[in-house]
C-alpha atoms as a PDB file:
ATOM      1  CA  MET A   1      24.295   2.177  10.432  1.00  0.00           C
ATOM      2  CA  THR A   2      27.769   2.566   9.050  1.00  0.00           C
ATOM      3  CA  ALA A   3      30.635   0.470  10.309  1.00  0.00           C
ATOM      4  CA  ASN A   4      32.469   3.534  11.601  1.00  0.00           C
ATOM      5  CA  GLY A   5      29.443   4.935  13.412  1.00  0.00           C
ATOM      6  CA  GLY A   6      29.098   7.961  11.122  1.00  0.00           C
ATOM      7  CA  ALA A   7      26.081   9.039   9.166  1.00  0.00           C
ATOM      8  CA  PRO A   8      25.023   6.509   6.528  1.00  0.00           C
ATOM      9  CA  ASP A   9      25.611   7.587   2.942  1.00  0.00           C
ATOM     10  CA  ALA A  10      22.904   7.502   0.265  1.00  0.00           C
ATOM     11  CA  PHE A  11      23.681   3.933  -0.799  1.00  0.00           C
ATOM     12  CA  GLU A  12      23.602   2.646   2.791  1.00  0.00           C
ATOM     13  CA  LEU A  13      20.264   4.383   3.373  1.00  0.00           C
ATOM     14  CA  MET A  14      18.835   2.820   0.200  1.00  0.00           C
ATOM     15  CA  VAL A  15      19.967  -0.620   1.371  1.00  0.00           C
ATOM     16  CA  MET A  16      18.321   0.017   4.742  1.00  0.00           C
ATOM     17  CA  MET A  17      15.107   1.173   3.047  1.00  0.00           C
ATOM     18  CA  ARG A  18      15.107  -1.983   0.935  1.00  0.00           C
ATOM     19  CA  ALA A  19      15.547  -4.084   4.078  1.00  0.00           C
ATOM     20  CA  LEU A  20      12.647  -2.249   5.749  1.00  0.00           C
ATOM     21  CA  ASN A  21      10.490  -2.867   2.670  1.00  0.00           C
ATOM     22  CA  VAL A  22      11.386  -6.566   2.691  1.00  0.00           C
ATOM     23  CA  GLU A  23      10.565  -6.898   6.400  1.00  0.00           C
ATOM     24  CA  SER A  24       7.282  -5.002   5.913  1.00  0.00           C
ATOM     25  CA  ASP A  25       6.398  -7.254   2.984  1.00  0.00           C
ATOM     26  CA  ARG A  26       7.192 -10.372   5.019  1.00  0.00           C
ATOM     27  CA  PHE A  27       4.945  -9.158   7.814  1.00  0.00           C
ATOM     28  CA  ALA A  28       2.088  -8.329   5.437  1.00  0.00           C
ATOM     29  CA  GLU A  29       2.541 -11.610   3.561  1.00  0.00           C
ATOM     30  CA  ARG A  30       2.184 -13.493   6.854  1.00  0.00           C
ATOM     31  CA  PHE A  31      -1.207 -11.859   7.393  1.00  0.00           C
ATOM     32  CA  ALA A  32      -2.186 -12.641   3.799  1.00  0.00           C
ATOM     33  CA  ALA A  33      -1.148 -16.289   4.118  1.00  0.00           C
ATOM     34  CA  LEU A  34      -2.987 -16.750   7.421  1.00  0.00           C
ATOM     35  CA  HIS A  35      -6.176 -15.392   5.880  1.00  0.00           C
ATOM     36  CA  ARG A  36      -5.779 -16.938   2.411  1.00  0.00           C
ATOM     37  CA  LEU A  37      -5.415 -13.597   0.660  1.00  0.00           C
ATOM     38  CA  HIS A  38      -3.555 -12.839  -2.544  1.00  0.00           C
ATOM     39  CA  ARG A  39      -1.138  -9.919  -2.375  1.00  0.00           C
ATOM     40  CA  THR A  40      -3.527  -7.911  -4.564  1.00  0.00           C
ATOM     41  CA  ASP A  41      -6.328  -8.682  -2.078  1.00  0.00           C
ATOM     42  CA  LEU A  42      -4.196  -7.335   0.748  1.00  0.00           C
ATOM     43  CA  ASN A  43      -3.265  -4.245  -1.269  1.00  0.00           C
ATOM     44  CA  ALA A  44      -6.970  -3.685  -1.946  1.00  0.00           C
ATOM     45  CA  LEU A  45      -7.837  -3.906   1.747  1.00  0.00           C
ATOM     46  CA  VAL A  46      -5.114  -1.378   2.552  1.00  0.00           C
ATOM     47  CA  ALA A  47      -6.376   0.975  -0.194  1.00  0.00           C
ATOM     48  CA  ILE A  48      -9.952   0.694   1.111  1.00  0.00           C
ATOM     49  CA  LEU A  49      -8.817   1.270   4.698  1.00  0.00           C
ATOM     50  CA  ASP A  50      -6.651   4.261   3.741  1.00  0.00           C
ATOM     51  CA  ALA A  51      -9.504   5.792   1.733  1.00  0.00           C
ATOM     52  CA  ALA A  52     -11.899   5.358   4.664  1.00  0.00           C
ATOM     53  CA  HIS A  53      -9.391   7.001   7.044  1.00  0.00           C
ATOM     54  CA  ALA A  54      -9.075   9.895   4.580  1.00  0.00           C
ATOM     55  CA  GLY A  55     -12.866  10.227   4.431  1.00  0.00           C
ATOM     56  CA  THR A  56     -12.972   9.373   0.713  1.00  0.00           C
ATOM     57  CA  PRO A  57     -14.678   5.999   0.253  1.00  0.00           C
ATOM     58  CA  LEU A  58     -13.647   4.071  -2.845  1.00  0.00           C
ATOM     59  CA  THR A  59     -15.880   3.139  -5.716  1.00  0.00           C
ATOM     60  CA  PRO A  60     -15.007  -0.042  -7.591  1.00  0.00           C
ATOM     61  CA  GLY A  61     -13.518   2.152 -10.339  1.00  0.00           C
ATOM     62  CA  GLY A  62     -11.451   4.084  -7.820  1.00  0.00           C
ATOM     63  CA  LEU A  63     -10.172   0.849  -6.307  1.00  0.00           C
ATOM     64  CA  GLY A  64      -9.251  -0.484  -9.738  1.00  0.00           C
ATOM     65  CA  ALA A  65      -7.393   2.724 -10.541  1.00  0.00           C
ATOM     66  CA  ALA A  66      -5.562   2.648  -7.195  1.00  0.00           C
ATOM     67  CA  LEU A  67      -4.375  -0.903  -7.921  1.00  0.00           C
ATOM     68  CA  ASN A  68      -3.896  -0.485 -11.671  1.00  0.00           C
ATOM     69  CA  LEU A  69      -6.455  -3.206 -12.428  1.00  0.00           C
ATOM     70  CA  SER A  70      -8.851  -3.579 -15.347  1.00  0.00           C
ATOM     71  CA  PRO A  71     -12.594  -3.376 -14.604  1.00  0.00           C
ATOM     72  CA  PRO A  72     -13.070  -7.170 -14.943  1.00  0.00           C
ATOM     73  CA  ALA A  73     -10.088  -7.836 -12.642  1.00  0.00           C
ATOM     74  CA  THR A  74     -11.438  -5.311 -10.132  1.00  0.00           C
ATOM     75  CA  THR A  75     -14.857  -6.983 -10.151  1.00  0.00           C
ATOM     76  CA  ALA A  76     -13.261 -10.402  -9.585  1.00  0.00           C
ATOM     77  CA  LEU A  77     -11.174  -8.951  -6.744  1.00  0.00           C
ATOM     78  CA  ILE A  78     -14.168  -7.360  -5.028  1.00  0.00           C
ATOM     79  CA  ASP A  79     -16.217 -10.543  -5.496  1.00  0.00           C
ATOM     80  CA  ARG A  80     -13.410 -12.573  -3.863  1.00  0.00           C
ATOM     81  CA  LEU A  81     -13.109 -10.167  -0.928  1.00  0.00           C
ATOM     82  CA  GLU A  82     -16.880 -10.006  -0.528  1.00  0.00           C
ATOM     83  CA  GLN A  83     -17.204 -13.811  -0.510  1.00  0.00           C
ATOM     84  CA  ALA A  84     -14.462 -14.013   2.126  1.00  0.00           C
ATOM     85  CA  GLY A  85     -16.422 -11.547   4.272  1.00  0.00           C
ATOM     86  CA  HIS A  86     -13.797  -8.795   4.139  1.00  0.00           C
ATOM     87  CA  VAL A  87     -15.685  -6.112   2.199  1.00  0.00           C
ATOM     88  CA  GLU A  88     -19.181  -5.052   1.256  1.00  0.00           C
ATOM     89  CA  ARG A  89     -20.566  -3.094  -1.647  1.00  0.00           C
ATOM     90  CA  ARG A  90     -22.782  -0.291  -0.335  1.00  0.00           C
ATOM     91  CA  ARG A  91     -24.717   2.515  -1.916  1.00  0.00           C
ATOM     92  CA  SER A  92     -23.136   5.903  -1.286  1.00  0.00           C
ATOM     93  CA  ALA A  93     -24.839   7.907   1.436  1.00  0.00           C
ATOM     94  CA  THR A  94     -24.404  11.086  -0.645  1.00  0.00           C
ATOM     95  CA  ASP A  95     -25.211   9.722  -4.120  1.00  0.00           C
ATOM     96  CA  ARG A  96     -27.398   6.626  -4.213  1.00  0.00           C
ATOM     97  CA  ARG A  97     -26.318   5.963  -7.818  1.00  0.00           C
ATOM     98  CA  LYS A  98     -22.767   5.241  -6.668  1.00  0.00           C
ATOM     99  CA  VAL A  99     -21.541   2.024  -5.119  1.00  0.00           C
ATOM    100  CA  GLU A 100     -18.683   2.122  -2.627  1.00  0.00           C
ATOM    101  CA  VAL A 101     -16.487  -0.700  -1.422  1.00  0.00           C
ATOM    102  CA  VAL A 102     -16.175  -0.684   2.365  1.00  0.00           C
ATOM    103  CA  LEU A 103     -14.221  -2.820   4.765  1.00  0.00           C
ATOM    104  CA  ASN A 104     -16.368  -5.117   6.887  1.00  0.00           C
ATOM    105  CA  GLU A 105     -15.999  -4.306  10.616  1.00  0.00           C
ATOM    106  CA  GLN A 106     -14.991  -7.896  11.362  1.00  0.00           C
ATOM    107  CA  ALA A 107     -12.165  -7.669   8.797  1.00  0.00           C
ATOM    108  CA  ALA A 108     -11.070  -4.297  10.179  1.00  0.00           C
ATOM    109  CA  GLU A 109     -10.903  -5.734  13.708  1.00  0.00           C
ATOM    110  CA  LEU A 110      -8.946  -8.748  12.486  1.00  0.00           C
ATOM    111  CA  ALA A 111      -6.410  -6.460  10.804  1.00  0.00           C
ATOM    112  CA  ARG A 112      -6.196  -4.194  13.854  1.00  0.00           C
ATOM    113  CA  ARG A 113      -5.383  -7.158  16.109  1.00  0.00           C
ATOM    114  CA  PHE A 114      -2.774  -8.600  13.739  1.00  0.00           C
ATOM    115  CA  PHE A 115      -1.052  -5.308  12.931  1.00  0.00           C
ATOM    116  CA  ALA A 116      -1.199  -3.882  16.493  1.00  0.00           C
ATOM    117  CA  PRO A 117       2.214  -5.315  17.493  1.00  0.00           C
ATOM    118  CA  LEU A 118       3.804  -3.780  14.392  1.00  0.00           C
ATOM    119  CA  GLY A 119       2.195  -0.435  15.185  1.00  0.00           C
ATOM    120  CA  ARG A 120       3.358  -0.642  18.787  1.00  0.00           C
ATOM    121  CA  HIS A 121       6.961  -1.504  17.869  1.00  0.00           C
ATOM    122  CA  LEU A 122       7.154   1.153  15.148  1.00  0.00           C
ATOM    123  CA  THR A 123       5.651   3.742  17.497  1.00  0.00           C
ATOM    124  CA  GLU A 124       8.310   2.911  20.091  1.00  0.00           C
ATOM    125  CA  ALA A 125      11.031   3.210  17.452  1.00  0.00           C
ATOM    126  CA  ILE A 126       9.693   6.544  16.200  1.00  0.00           C
ATOM    127  CA  GLU A 127       9.227   7.986  19.679  1.00  0.00           C
ATOM    128  CA  ALA A 128      12.921   7.384  20.383  1.00  0.00           C
ATOM    129  CA  PHE A 129      13.648  10.329  18.057  1.00  0.00           C
ATOM    130  CA  THR A 130      13.320  13.993  18.941  1.00  0.00           C
ATOM    131  CA  ALA A 131      10.736  16.170  17.223  1.00  0.00           C
ATOM    132  CA  ASP A 132      13.480  17.715  15.066  1.00  0.00           C
ATOM    133  CA  GLU A 133      14.752  14.276  14.063  1.00  0.00           C
ATOM    134  CA  ARG A 134      11.182  13.179  13.205  1.00  0.00           C
ATOM    135  CA  ARG A 135      10.823  16.246  10.970  1.00  0.00           C
ATOM    136  CA  VAL A 136      13.983  15.183   9.096  1.00  0.00           C
ATOM    137  CA  ILE A 137      12.738  11.586   8.886  1.00  0.00           C
ATOM    138  CA  GLY A 138       9.382  12.847   7.614  1.00  0.00           C
ATOM    139  CA  ARG A 139      11.097  14.953   4.957  1.00  0.00           C
ATOM    140  CA  PHE A 140      13.259  11.985   3.985  1.00  0.00           C
ATOM    141  CA  LEU A 141      10.298   9.625   3.710  1.00  0.00           C
ATOM    142  CA  ASP A 142       8.264  12.156   1.727  1.00  0.00           C
ATOM    143  CA  SER A 143      11.197  12.724  -0.639  1.00  0.00           C
ATOM    144  CA  GLY A 144      11.696   8.965  -0.955  1.00  0.00           C
ATOM    145  CA  ILE A 145       8.020   8.430  -1.797  1.00  0.00           C
ATOM    146  CA  GLN A 146       8.163  11.177  -4.425  1.00  0.00           C
ATOM    147  CA  ALA A 147      11.408   9.802  -5.892  1.00  0.00           C
ATOM    148  CA  THR A 148       9.979   6.289  -6.071  1.00  0.00           C
ATOM    149  CA  ALA A 149       6.786   7.522  -7.751  1.00  0.00           C
ATOM    150  CA  ALA A 150       8.832   9.503 -10.273  1.00  0.00           C
ATOM    151  CA  ALA A 151      11.010   6.462 -11.011  1.00  0.00           C
ATOM    152  CA  ARG A 152       7.888   4.291 -11.427  1.00  0.00           C
ATOM    153  CA  LEU A 153       6.472   6.731 -13.967  1.00  0.00           C
ATOM    154  CA  GLU A 154       9.810   6.976 -15.755  1.00  0.00           C
ATOM    155  CA  ALA A 155      10.129   3.175 -15.849  1.00  0.00           C
ATOM    156  CA  GLY A 156       6.601   2.960 -17.256  1.00  0.00           C
ATOM    157  CA  ASP A 157       7.484   5.477 -19.953  1.00  0.00           C
ATOM    158  CA  GLN A 158      10.645   3.538 -20.793  1.00  0.00           C
ATOM    159  CA  GLU A 159       8.742   0.231 -20.913  1.00  0.00           C
ATOM    160  CA  GLY A 160       6.157   1.799 -23.218  1.00  0.00           C
ATOM    161  CA  LYS A 161       8.874   3.108 -25.543  1.00  0.00           C
ATOM    162  CA  THR A 162      10.645  -0.255 -25.571  1.00  0.00           C
ATOM    163  CA  ALA A 163       7.413  -2.111 -26.310  1.00  0.00           C
ATOM    164  CA  ALA A 164       6.457   0.367 -29.035  1.00  0.00           C
ATOM    165  CA  SER A 165       9.837   0.088 -30.732  1.00  0.00           C
ATOM    166  CA  SER A 166       9.742  -3.724 -30.637  1.00  0.00           C
ATOM    167  CA  GLY A 167       6.129  -3.927 -31.767  1.00  0.00           C
ATOM    168  CA  THR A 168       4.917  -5.575 -28.542  1.00  0.00           C
ATOM    169  CA  ARG A 169       2.528  -4.302 -25.925  1.00  0.00           C
ATOM    170  CA  ALA A 170       3.683  -3.300 -22.462  1.00  0.00           C
ATOM    171  CA  ARG A 171       1.978  -5.273 -19.685  1.00  0.00           C
END
């Protein structure tokens, strides 16, 4: 919070958000290091888990798109996660022609145990706010997500223009 106890201004909130992102990354990186996962592997597991929670299982192509990976890189990623016992390729229950990437139950339990303390502490922090305050926080987070996505797209457009004008390809 601010030194004078007032409401933080936009810059102070951005600094706090950055600090939260850094702490979240450190926590996730600890899990990745303990289980010999690359950051992309961890991001893939989160994408697969989120898709399963949303009831929309991911195909390899969908996973690649979610992580901005090429098809060969996606295949290598899935192979790595499959060999480590974290995911399985399964035929879709609704369309046997499709293959879906699903989190192995053992991997899901491992993640639940590791991330449970974080969930507990964040839940305690969130529950300290009133319903009205949580609505404001929710609006703020949603706006922040949208602003970050817009900036990412804008930065990608700028990078593409810079690469095109210099005759190099954007990576």
